[in-house]
Protein backbone atom coordinates (compact mmCIF):
# COMPACT_ATOMS: atom_id res chain seq x y z
CA UNK A 1 0.00 0.00 0.00
CA UNK A 2 1.30 3.45 -0.85
CA UNK A 3 1.34 6.33 1.61
CA UNK A 4 1.16 10.00 0.71
CA UNK A 5 3.88 12.22 2.17
CA UNK A 6 3.78 16.00 2.06
CA UNK A 7 6.88 18.07 2.71
CA UNK A 8 7.62 21.76 2.73
CA UNK A 9 10.76 22.90 0.98
CA UNK A 10 12.35 26.14 -0.08
CA UNK A 11 11.20 27.48 -3.45
CA UNK A 12 14.71 27.12 -4.89
CA UNK A 13 14.83 23.42 -3.99
CA UNK A 14 11.41 22.86 -5.55
CA UNK A 15 12.55 24.65 -8.70
CA UNK A 16 15.64 22.43 -8.92
CA UNK A 17 13.57 19.28 -8.49
CA UNK A 18 11.23 20.39 -11.25
CA UNK A 19 14.19 21.16 -13.53
CA UNK A 20 15.94 17.84 -12.88
CA UNK A 21 12.68 15.94 -13.30
CA UNK A 22 12.07 17.64 -16.65
CA UNK A 23 15.60 16.77 -17.77
CA UNK A 24 14.94 13.15 -16.80
CA UNK A 25 11.60 13.20 -18.62
CA UNK A 26 9.68 12.52 -15.42
CA UNK A 27 7.06 14.23 -13.30
CA UNK A 28 8.50 15.78 -10.11
CA UNK A 29 6.76 13.28 -7.82
CA UNK A 30 8.03 10.27 -9.80
CA UNK A 31 11.49 11.82 -9.93
CA UNK A 32 11.54 12.33 -6.15
CA UNK A 33 10.45 8.71 -5.61
CA UNK A 34 13.39 7.60 -7.75
CA UNK A 35 15.81 9.88 -5.90
CA UNK A 36 14.61 8.66 -2.51
CA UNK A 37 14.74 5.03 -3.57
CA UNK A 38 18.31 5.43 -4.84
CA UNK A 39 19.35 7.16 -1.62
CA UNK A 40 17.85 4.40 0.52
CA UNK A 41 19.63 1.76 -1.59
CA UNK A 42 22.89 3.68 -1.15
CA UNK A 43 22.42 3.79 2.63
CA UNK A 44 21.79 0.03 2.65
CA UNK A 45 24.91 -0.62 0.55
CA UNK A 46 27.00 1.59 2.85
CA UNK A 47 25.74 -0.29 5.91
CA UNK A 48 26.65 -3.63 4.30
CA UNK A 49 30.11 -2.37 3.37
CA UNK A 50 30.72 -1.00 6.87
CA UNK A 51 29.66 -4.34 8.39
CA UNK A 52 32.02 -6.22 6.06
CA UNK A 53 34.90 -3.90 6.94
CA UNK A 54 34.21 -4.43 10.64
CA UNK A 55 34.31 -8.20 10.15
CA UNK A 56 37.64 -7.90 8.32
CA UNK A 57 39.04 -5.65 11.08
CA UNK A 58 37.98 -8.33 13.57
CA UNK A 59 39.94 -10.98 11.73
CA UNK A 60 37.57 -12.49 9.18
CA UNK A 61 39.53 -14.37 6.53
CA UNK A 62 39.97 -12.70 3.15
CA UNK A 63 41.22 -14.25 -0.07
CA UNK A 64 43.42 -13.04 -2.90
CA UNK A 65 42.14 -13.40 -6.46
CA UNK A 66 44.51 -16.35 -7.05
CA UNK A 67 43.35 -18.08 -3.85
CA UNK A 68 39.72 -17.62 -4.88
CA UNK A 69 40.35 -19.08 -8.35
CA UNK A 70 42.21 -22.05 -6.84
CA UNK A 71 39.48 -22.62 -4.23
CA UNK A 72 36.75 -22.61 -6.90
CA UNK A 73 38.75 -24.68 -9.39
CA UNK A 74 38.98 -21.84 -11.89
CA UNK A 75 42.73 -21.88 -12.42
CA UNK A 76 44.04 -22.20 -15.97
């Protein structure tokens, strides 16, 4: 189910959104949905990367490219 969200923003920001949406060939509301979705995906990716880095800092095993190929039987 979709929810409607209303926000107030400065006129200049609204103008920029309308301009970028027009350049993308989209309506401002569809453009903002796309921008928000991309930002949320980026935040998720950053959280995953930070968690992986923490595991590596705590000693999780990593593999070189050659080790990975050998382990998977992909060596020439």
